Amino acid sequence: MSLPTPALPILALDAAGPACSAALWRDGTIAAHRRRPMQRGHAEALMPLLMELLAAAGIGFAGLGQIAVGVGPGSFTGIRIALAAARGIGLAADLPVVGVDSFSAVAAALPQPPRPGEALLIVIDSKREALFGQYYDDALAPLGEPQVLNPDALLARRPPGPLLIAGDGAALLPVAAEARVAEGEQAVDAIAIARLAAAGKALRAPRPLYLRAPDVTLAVSKEVGP
């Protein structure tokens, strides 16, 4: 999915992981950012967080050009909450809404990209035995489809050669030969989602990316076009 890069600011939000985060992209940079770590309570925290962010940036919904939202994988509840907020704002303010998956957001936020010839594995903690995983090449092009597998099976799918591992589930993998773990915090954040949306990269429809069956089904809402 690709849309023209909007000239007006982009509001990005995410609640797929153990935090609510929001970021405002304006004039080529992140103009404001808020992040609140939490394991639960996303529904009560997200909209106040967004309003706090917009107030700090001195902008209202009418001044935005696009909404970008994290679509997971991650917490079913958090994904639904963020999507509902993004769609509601988009509908009320007549703004396009785009999605960005968690794997792309983590990959885009790496302090250092993979070395030449080094594959990348983004691992996201599913809070269950199986982990969410996506392999990339050294140019951050996806290698195959996202997977949900136990740690050993996920590593068994690795391409040959050296491997860089990142994501908040990286510590849950066994030590792998010829593999190194990326430094720094590896959680999904709205800053990366905003930057990808501004660049028109890794965009998808604002629908949840579920890699296993959800406990409940998200009703399909009308999407707001550009």
C-alpha atoms as a PDB file:
ATOM      1  CA  MET A   1       0.000   0.000   0.000  1.00  0.00           C
ATOM      2  CA  SER A   2       1.401   3.389  -0.958  1.00  0.00           C
ATOM      3  CA  LEU A   3       0.041   6.899  -0.601  1.00  0.00           C
ATOM      4  CA  PRO A   4       1.553  10.240  -1.563  1.00  0.00           C
ATOM      5  CA  THR A   5       3.511  11.766   1.282  1.00  0.00           C
ATOM      6  CA  PRO A   6       1.179  14.316   2.923  1.00  0.00           C
ATOM      7  CA  ALA A   7       2.357  17.901   3.201  1.00  0.00           C
ATOM      8  CA  LEU A   8       0.407  18.331   6.436  1.00  0.00           C
ATOM      9  CA  PRO A   9       1.419  16.769   9.789  1.00  0.00           C
ATOM     10  CA  ILE A  10       1.030  13.078  10.535  1.00  0.00           C
ATOM     11  CA  LEU A  11      -0.322  11.762  13.825  1.00  0.00           C
ATOM     12  CA  ALA A  12       0.999   8.275  14.622  1.00  0.00           C
ATOM     13  CA  LEU A  13      -0.219   6.026  17.422  1.00  0.00           C
ATOM     14  CA  ASP A  14       0.415   2.534  18.706  1.00  0.00           C
ATOM     15  CA  ALA A  15      -0.919   0.342  21.509  1.00  0.00           C
ATOM     16  CA  ALA A  16       0.040  -3.121  20.229  1.00  0.00           C
ATOM     17  CA  GLY A  17       2.734  -3.682  22.846  1.00  0.00           C
ATOM     18  CA  PRO A  18       3.324  -2.977  26.550  1.00  0.00           C
ATOM     19  CA  ALA A  19       2.881   0.779  26.073  1.00  0.00           C
ATOM     20  CA  CYS A  20       0.737   3.478  24.514  1.00  0.00           C
ATOM     21  CA  SER A  21       2.730   5.816  22.293  1.00  0.00           C
ATOM     22  CA  ALA A  22       1.952   8.738  20.012  1.00  0.00           C
ATOM     23  CA  ALA A  23       4.092  10.939  17.797  1.00  0.00           C
ATOM     24  CA  LEU A  24       3.539  13.955  15.581  1.00  0.00           C
ATOM     25  CA  TRP A  25       5.533  14.315  12.368  1.00  0.00           C
ATOM     26  CA  ARG A  26       5.681  17.888  11.134  1.00  0.00           C
ATOM     27  CA  ASP A  27       8.038  19.800   8.822  1.00  0.00           C
ATOM     28  CA  GLY A  28      10.310  16.820   8.289  1.00  0.00           C
ATOM     29  CA  THR A  29      10.867  15.850  11.908  1.00  0.00           C
ATOM     30  CA  ILE A  30       9.215  14.462  15.051  1.00  0.00           C
ATOM     31  CA  ALA A  31       7.636  17.562  16.596  1.00  0.00           C
ATOM     32  CA  ALA A  32       6.149  15.858  19.674  1.00  0.00           C
ATOM     33  CA  HIS A  33       6.213  12.429  21.284  1.00  0.00           C
ATOM     34  CA  ARG A  34       4.517  10.733  24.218  1.00  0.00           C
ATOM     35  CA  ARG A  35       4.990   7.184  25.508  1.00  0.00           C
ATOM     36  CA  ARG A  36       3.397   5.561  28.530  1.00  0.00           C
ATOM     37  CA  PRO A  37       4.526   2.003  29.457  1.00  0.00           C
ATOM     38  CA  MET A  38       1.657  -0.218  30.649  1.00  0.00           C
ATOM     39  CA  GLN A  39       0.578  -3.831  30.583  1.00  0.00           C
ATOM     40  CA  ARG A  40      -3.128  -2.969  30.689  1.00  0.00           C
ATOM     41  CA  GLY A  41      -5.336   0.095  30.682  1.00  0.00           C
ATOM     42  CA  HIS A  42      -4.626   1.099  27.069  1.00  0.00           C
ATOM     43  CA  ALA A  43      -8.279   1.967  26.449  1.00  0.00           C
ATOM     44  CA  GLU A  44      -8.316   4.557  29.214  1.00  0.00           C
ATOM     45  CA  ALA A  45      -4.844   5.944  28.451  1.00  0.00           C
ATOM     46  CA  LEU A  46      -4.684   6.315  24.674  1.00  0.00           C
ATOM     47  CA  MET A  47      -7.043   9.229  23.954  1.00  0.00           C
ATOM     48  CA  PRO A  48      -5.770  11.382  26.871  1.00  0.00           C
ATOM     49  CA  LEU A  49      -2.243  10.675  25.617  1.00  0.00           C
ATOM     50  CA  LEU A  50      -3.182  11.832  22.111  1.00  0.00           C
ATOM     51  CA  MET A  51      -4.843  14.997  23.408  1.00  0.00           C
ATOM     52  CA  GLU A  52      -1.791  15.757  25.567  1.00  0.00           C
ATOM     53  CA  LEU A  53       0.476  15.314  22.538  1.00  0.00           C
ATOM     54  CA  LEU A  54      -1.604  17.574  20.300  1.00  0.00           C
ATOM     55  CA  ALA A  55      -1.886  20.224  22.989  1.00  0.00           C
ATOM     56  CA  ALA A  56       1.883  20.227  23.458  1.00  0.00           C
ATOM     57  CA  ALA A  57       2.349  20.622  19.700  1.00  0.00           C
ATOM     58  CA  GLY A  58      -0.294  23.347  19.447  1.00  0.00           C
ATOM     59  CA  ILE A  59      -2.333  21.556  16.798  1.00  0.00           C
ATOM     60  CA  GLY A  60      -5.821  20.093  16.504  1.00  0.00           C
ATOM     61  CA  PHE A  61      -7.196  17.222  14.448  1.00  0.00           C
ATOM     62  CA  ALA A  62      -8.213  19.660  11.688  1.00  0.00           C
ATOM     63  CA  GLY A  63      -4.573  20.598  11.173  1.00  0.00           C
ATOM     64  CA  LEU A  64      -3.446  17.036  10.455  1.00  0.00           C
ATOM     65  CA  GLY A  65      -2.878  15.463   7.061  1.00  0.00           C
ATOM     66  CA  GLN A  66      -2.866  11.761   7.901  1.00  0.00           C
ATOM     67  CA  ILE A  67      -3.253   9.231  10.701  1.00  0.00           C
ATOM     68  CA  ALA A  68      -0.818   6.297  10.953  1.00  0.00           C
ATOM     69  CA  VAL A  69      -1.535   3.429  13.328  1.00  0.00           C
ATOM     70  CA  GLY A  70       0.300   0.312  14.449  1.00  0.00           C
ATOM     71  CA  VAL A  71      -1.607  -2.794  13.339  1.00  0.00           C
ATOM     72  CA  GLY A  72       0.421  -5.418  15.193  1.00  0.00           C
ATOM     73  CA  PRO A  73       1.098  -8.192  15.694  1.00  0.00           C
ATOM     74  CA  GLY A  74       0.867  -7.774  19.433  1.00  0.00           C
ATOM     75  CA  SER A  75      -1.860  -7.455  22.017  1.00  0.00           C
ATOM     76  CA  PHE A  76      -5.290  -8.082  20.481  1.00  0.00           C
ATOM     77  CA  THR A  77      -6.863  -5.577  22.858  1.00  0.00           C
ATOM     78  CA  GLY A  78      -4.230  -2.910  22.242  1.00  0.00           C
ATOM     79  CA  ILE A  79      -4.455  -3.295  18.467  1.00  0.00           C
ATOM     80  CA  ARG A  80      -8.241  -2.939  18.521  1.00  0.00           C
ATOM     81  CA  ILE A  81      -8.057   0.139  20.739  1.00  0.00           C
ATOM     82  CA  ALA A  82      -5.512   1.905  18.525  1.00  0.00           C
ATOM     83  CA  LEU A  83      -7.354   1.037  15.324  1.00  0.00           C
ATOM     84  CA  ALA A  84     -10.660   2.235  16.726  1.00  0.00           C
ATOM     85  CA  ALA A  85      -9.082   5.542  17.798  1.00  0.00           C
ATOM     86  CA  ALA A  86      -7.357   6.038  14.435  1.00  0.00           C
ATOM     87  CA  ARG A  87     -10.469   5.238  12.436  1.00  0.00           C
ATOM     88  CA  GLY A  88     -12.629   7.433  14.637  1.00  0.00           C
ATOM     89  CA  ILE A  89     -10.296  10.413  14.257  1.00  0.00           C
ATOM     90  CA  GLY A  90      -9.968   9.789  10.535  1.00  0.00           C
ATOM     91  CA  LEU A  91     -13.727   9.649  10.067  1.00  0.00           C
ATOM     92  CA  ALA A  92     -14.428  12.712  12.200  1.00  0.00           C
ATOM     93  CA  ALA A  93     -11.673  14.846  10.633  1.00  0.00           C
ATOM     94  CA  ASP A  94     -11.947  13.395   7.100  1.00  0.00           C
ATOM     95  CA  LEU A  95      -8.333  12.167   7.153  1.00  0.00           C
ATOM     96  CA  PRO A  96      -6.704   9.159   5.465  1.00  0.00           C
ATOM     97  CA  VAL A  97      -5.699   6.351   7.833  1.00  0.00           C
ATOM     98  CA  VAL A  98      -2.797   4.002   7.097  1.00  0.00           C
ATOM     99  CA  GLY A  99      -1.390   1.045   9.009  1.00  0.00           C
ATOM    100  CA  VAL A 100       2.199   0.053   9.806  1.00  0.00           C
ATOM    101  CA  ASP A 101       3.070  -3.397  11.141  1.00  0.00           C
ATOM    102  CA  SER A 102       5.139  -3.905  14.284  1.00  0.00           C
ATOM    103  CA  PHE A 103       7.955  -5.739  12.469  1.00  0.00           C
ATOM    104  CA  SER A 104       8.548  -2.824  10.097  1.00  0.00           C
ATOM    105  CA  ALA A 105       8.413  -0.324  12.955  1.00  0.00           C
ATOM    106  CA  VAL A 106      11.085  -2.173  14.948  1.00  0.00           C
ATOM    107  CA  ALA A 107      13.283  -2.672  11.866  1.00  0.00           C
ATOM    108  CA  ALA A 108      13.045   1.015  10.950  1.00  0.00           C
ATOM    109  CA  ALA A 109      14.080   2.085  14.460  1.00  0.00           C
ATOM    110  CA  LEU A 110      17.305   0.047  14.623  1.00  0.00           C
ATOM    111  CA  PRO A 111      20.261   2.278  15.580  1.00  0.00           C
ATOM    112  CA  GLN A 112      22.429   0.348  13.107  1.00  0.00           C
ATOM    113  CA  PRO A 113      21.096  -1.544  10.057  1.00  0.00           C
ATOM    114  CA  PRO A 114      22.182  -5.120   9.340  1.00  0.00           C
ATOM    115  CA  ARG A 115      25.714  -5.523   8.056  1.00  0.00           C
ATOM    116  CA  PRO A 116      26.204  -6.501   4.394  1.00  0.00           C
ATOM    117  CA  GLY A 117      25.216 -10.137   3.990  1.00  0.00           C
ATOM    118  CA  GLU A 118      23.597 -10.249   7.429  1.00  0.00           C
ATOM    119  CA  ALA A 119      19.944 -11.265   7.738  1.00  0.00           C
ATOM    120  CA  LEU A 120      17.646  -9.643  10.288  1.00  0.00           C
ATOM    121  CA  LEU A 121      15.092 -11.382  12.492  1.00  0.00           C
ATOM    122  CA  ILE A 122      12.513  -9.211  14.248  1.00  0.00           C
ATOM    123  CA  VAL A 123      10.976 -11.088  17.183  1.00  0.00           C
ATOM    124  CA  ILE A 124       7.921  -9.788  19.024  1.00  0.00           C
ATOM    125  CA  ASP A 125       6.799 -11.201  22.367  1.00  0.00           C
ATOM    126  CA  SER A 126       3.313 -12.707  21.996  1.00  0.00           C
ATOM    127  CA  LYS A 127       2.980 -13.368  25.752  1.00  0.00           C
ATOM    128  CA  ARG A 128       2.631 -17.043  24.859  1.00  0.00           C
ATOM    129  CA  GLU A 129       5.076 -19.837  24.078  1.00  0.00           C
ATOM    130  CA  ALA A 130       5.108 -19.101  20.344  1.00  0.00           C
ATOM    131  CA  LEU A 131       6.737 -15.861  19.222  1.00  0.00           C
ATOM    132  CA  PHE A 132       5.925 -13.549  16.322  1.00  0.00           C
ATOM    133  CA  GLY A 133       8.835 -13.417  13.870  1.00  0.00           C
ATOM    134  CA  GLN A 134       9.767 -11.877  10.525  1.00  0.00           C
ATOM    135  CA  TYR A 135      13.029 -12.317   8.610  1.00  0.00           C
ATOM    136  CA  TYR A 136      14.561  -9.549   6.463  1.00  0.00           C
ATOM    137  CA  ASP A 137      17.614  -9.300   4.234  1.00  0.00           C
ATOM    138  CA  ASP A 138      20.360  -6.732   4.774  1.00  0.00           C
ATOM    139  CA  ALA A 139      18.348  -4.128   2.804  1.00  0.00           C
ATOM    140  CA  LEU A 140      15.322  -4.647   5.112  1.00  0.00           C
ATOM    141  CA  ALA A 141      13.317  -6.430   2.438  1.00  0.00           C
ATOM    142  CA  PRO A 142      11.088  -9.143   3.987  1.00  0.00           C
ATOM    143  CA  LEU A 143      12.149 -12.750   3.492  1.00  0.00           C
ATOM    144  CA  GLY A 144       8.922 -14.725   3.299  1.00  0.00           C
ATOM    145  CA  GLU A 145       5.841 -14.202   5.427  1.00  0.00           C
ATOM    146  CA  PRO A 146       5.571 -13.380   9.147  1.00  0.00           C
ATOM    147  CA  GLN A 147       5.542 -16.449  11.374  1.00  0.00           C
ATOM    148  CA  VAL A 148       4.276 -17.469  14.781  1.00  0.00           C
ATOM    149  CA  LEU A 149       6.445 -20.311  16.076  1.00  0.00           C
ATOM    150  CA  ASN A 150       8.145 -21.502  19.236  1.00  0.00           C
ATOM    151  CA  PRO A 151      11.703 -20.148  19.668  1.00  0.00           C
ATOM    152  CA  ASP A 152      13.558 -23.203  18.339  1.00  0.00           C
ATOM    153  CA  ALA A 153      11.300 -23.559  15.297  1.00  0.00           C
ATOM    154  CA  LEU A 154      11.601 -19.861  14.532  1.00  0.00           C
ATOM    155  CA  LEU A 155      15.394 -20.046  14.518  1.00  0.00           C
ATOM    156  CA  ALA A 156      15.246 -23.207  12.406  1.00  0.00           C
ATOM    157  CA  ARG A 157      13.767 -21.087   9.589  1.00  0.00           C
ATOM    158  CA  ARG A 158      16.754 -18.726   9.535  1.00  0.00           C
ATOM    159  CA  PRO A 159      18.542 -18.109   6.237  1.00  0.00           C
ATOM    160  CA  PRO A 160      22.180 -19.193   5.998  1.00  0.00           C
ATOM    161  CA  GLY A 161      24.913 -16.871   7.222  1.00  0.00           C
ATOM    162  CA  PRO A 162      25.158 -14.265   9.996  1.00  0.00           C
ATOM    163  CA  LEU A 163      22.025 -13.028  11.729  1.00  0.00           C
ATOM    164  CA  LEU A 164      20.998  -9.892  13.616  1.00  0.00           C
ATOM    165  CA  ILE A 165      18.116 -10.342  16.078  1.00  0.00           C
ATOM    166  CA  ALA A 166      15.958  -7.468  17.331  1.00  0.00           C
ATOM    167  CA  GLY A 167      12.597  -6.902  18.956  1.00  0.00           C
ATOM    168  CA  ASP A 168      11.183  -7.207  22.463  1.00  0.00           C
ATOM    169  CA  GLY A 169      11.109 -11.009  22.073  1.00  0.00           C
ATOM    170  CA  ALA A 170      14.797 -11.332  21.205  1.00  0.00           C
ATOM    171  CA  ALA A 171      15.747 -12.247  24.774  1.00  0.00           C
ATOM    172  CA  LEU A 172      13.318 -15.188  24.636  1.00  0.00           C
ATOM    173  CA  LEU A 173      15.293 -16.952  21.907  1.00  0.00           C
ATOM    174  CA  PRO A 174      18.019 -19.484  22.713  1.00  0.00           C
ATOM    175  CA  VAL A 175      21.576 -18.427  21.906  1.00  0.00           C
ATOM    176  CA  ALA A 176      22.114 -18.937  18.187  1.00  0.00           C
ATOM    177  CA  ALA A 177      25.457 -19.500  16.438  1.00  0.00           C
ATOM    178  CA  GLU A 178      26.548 -16.648  14.175  1.00  0.00           C
ATOM    179  CA  ALA A 179      23.845 -14.400  15.626  1.00  0.00           C
ATOM    180  CA  ARG A 180      24.045 -11.128  17.512  1.00  0.00           C
ATOM    181  CA  VAL A 181      21.344  -9.146  19.319  1.00  0.00           C
ATOM    182  CA  ALA A 182      20.731  -5.504  18.482  1.00  0.00           C
ATOM    183  CA  GLU A 183      21.500  -2.976  21.193  1.00  0.00           C
ATOM    184  CA  GLY A 184      19.019  -0.600  22.807  1.00  0.00           C
ATOM    185  CA  GLU A 185      15.294  -0.782  23.471  1.00  0.00           C
ATOM    186  CA  GLN A 186      13.460  -2.892  20.915  1.00  0.00           C
ATOM    187  CA  ALA A 187       9.794  -2.111  21.592  1.00  0.00           C
ATOM    188  CA  VAL A 188       7.463  -0.721  18.928  1.00  0.00           C
ATOM    189  CA  ASP A 189       7.027   3.036  19.165  1.00  0.00           C
ATOM    190  CA  ALA A 190       4.912   5.604  17.330  1.00  0.00           C
ATOM    191  CA  ILE A 191       8.044   7.536  16.294  1.00  0.00           C
ATOM    192  CA  ALA A 192       9.026   4.788  13.845  1.00  0.00           C
ATOM    193  CA  ILE A 193       5.446   4.531  12.602  1.00  0.00           C
ATOM    194  CA  ALA A 194       5.351   8.288  11.946  1.00  0.00           C
ATOM    195  CA  ARG A 195       8.660   8.192  10.062  1.00  0.00           C
ATOM    196  CA  LEU A 196       7.583   5.282   7.883  1.00  0.00           C
ATOM    197  CA  ALA A 197       4.283   7.002   7.085  1.00  0.00           C
ATOM    198  CA  ALA A 198       6.088  10.231   6.195  1.00  0.00           C
ATOM    199  CA  ALA A 199       8.378   8.284   3.839  1.00  0.00           C
ATOM    200  CA  GLY A 200       5.458   6.323   2.361  1.00  0.00           C
ATOM    201  CA  LYS A 201       7.107   3.025   3.360  1.00  0.00           C
ATOM    202  CA  ALA A 202       5.729  -0.221   4.812  1.00  0.00           C
ATOM    203  CA  LEU A 203       2.169   1.080   4.610  1.00  0.00           C
ATOM    204  CA  ARG A 204      -0.807  -1.241   4.685  1.00  0.00           C
ATOM    205  CA  ALA A 205      -4.552  -1.043   5.195  1.00  0.00           C
ATOM    206  CA  PRO A 206      -5.582  -0.110   8.758  1.00  0.00           C
ATOM    207  CA  ARG A 207      -6.632  -3.640   9.685  1.00  0.00           C
ATOM    208  CA  PRO A 208      -5.209  -5.819  12.469  1.00  0.00           C
ATOM    209  CA  LEU A 209      -2.310  -8.084  11.556  1.00  0.00           C
ATOM    210  CA  TYR A 210      -3.269 -11.232  13.437  1.00  0.00           C
ATOM    211  CA  LEU A 211      -0.897 -14.189  13.145  1.00  0.00           C
ATOM    212  CA  ARG A 212      -3.025 -16.393  15.359  1.00  0.00           C
ATOM    213  CA  ALA A 213      -6.770 -16.459  15.883  1.00  0.00           C
ATOM    214  CA  PRO A 214      -7.952 -13.555  18.059  1.00  0.00           C
ATOM    215  CA  ASP A 215     -10.033 -14.168  21.152  1.00  0.00           C
ATOM    216  CA  VAL A 216     -12.682 -11.838  19.724  1.00  0.00           C
ATOM    217  CA  THR A 217     -13.301 -10.485  16.243  1.00  0.00           C
ATOM    218  CA  LEU A 218     -12.830  -6.841  15.323  1.00  0.00           C
ATOM    219  CA  ALA A 219     -15.768  -5.442  13.404  1.00  0.00           C
ATOM    220  CA  VAL A 220     -14.773  -4.071  10.020  1.00  0.00           C
ATOM    221  CA  SER A 221     -15.243  -0.317   9.772  1.00  0.00           C
ATOM    222  CA  LYS A 222     -15.299   1.884   6.703  1.00  0.00           C
ATOM    223  CA  GLU A 223     -11.772   3.023   5.899  1.00  0.00           C
ATOM    224  CA  VAL A 224     -11.041   6.640   5.210  1.00  0.00           C
ATOM    225  CA  GLY A 225      -9.310   7.206   1.888  1.00  0.00           C
ATOM    226  CA  PRO A 226      -6.822   9.891   0.963  1.00  0.00           C
END
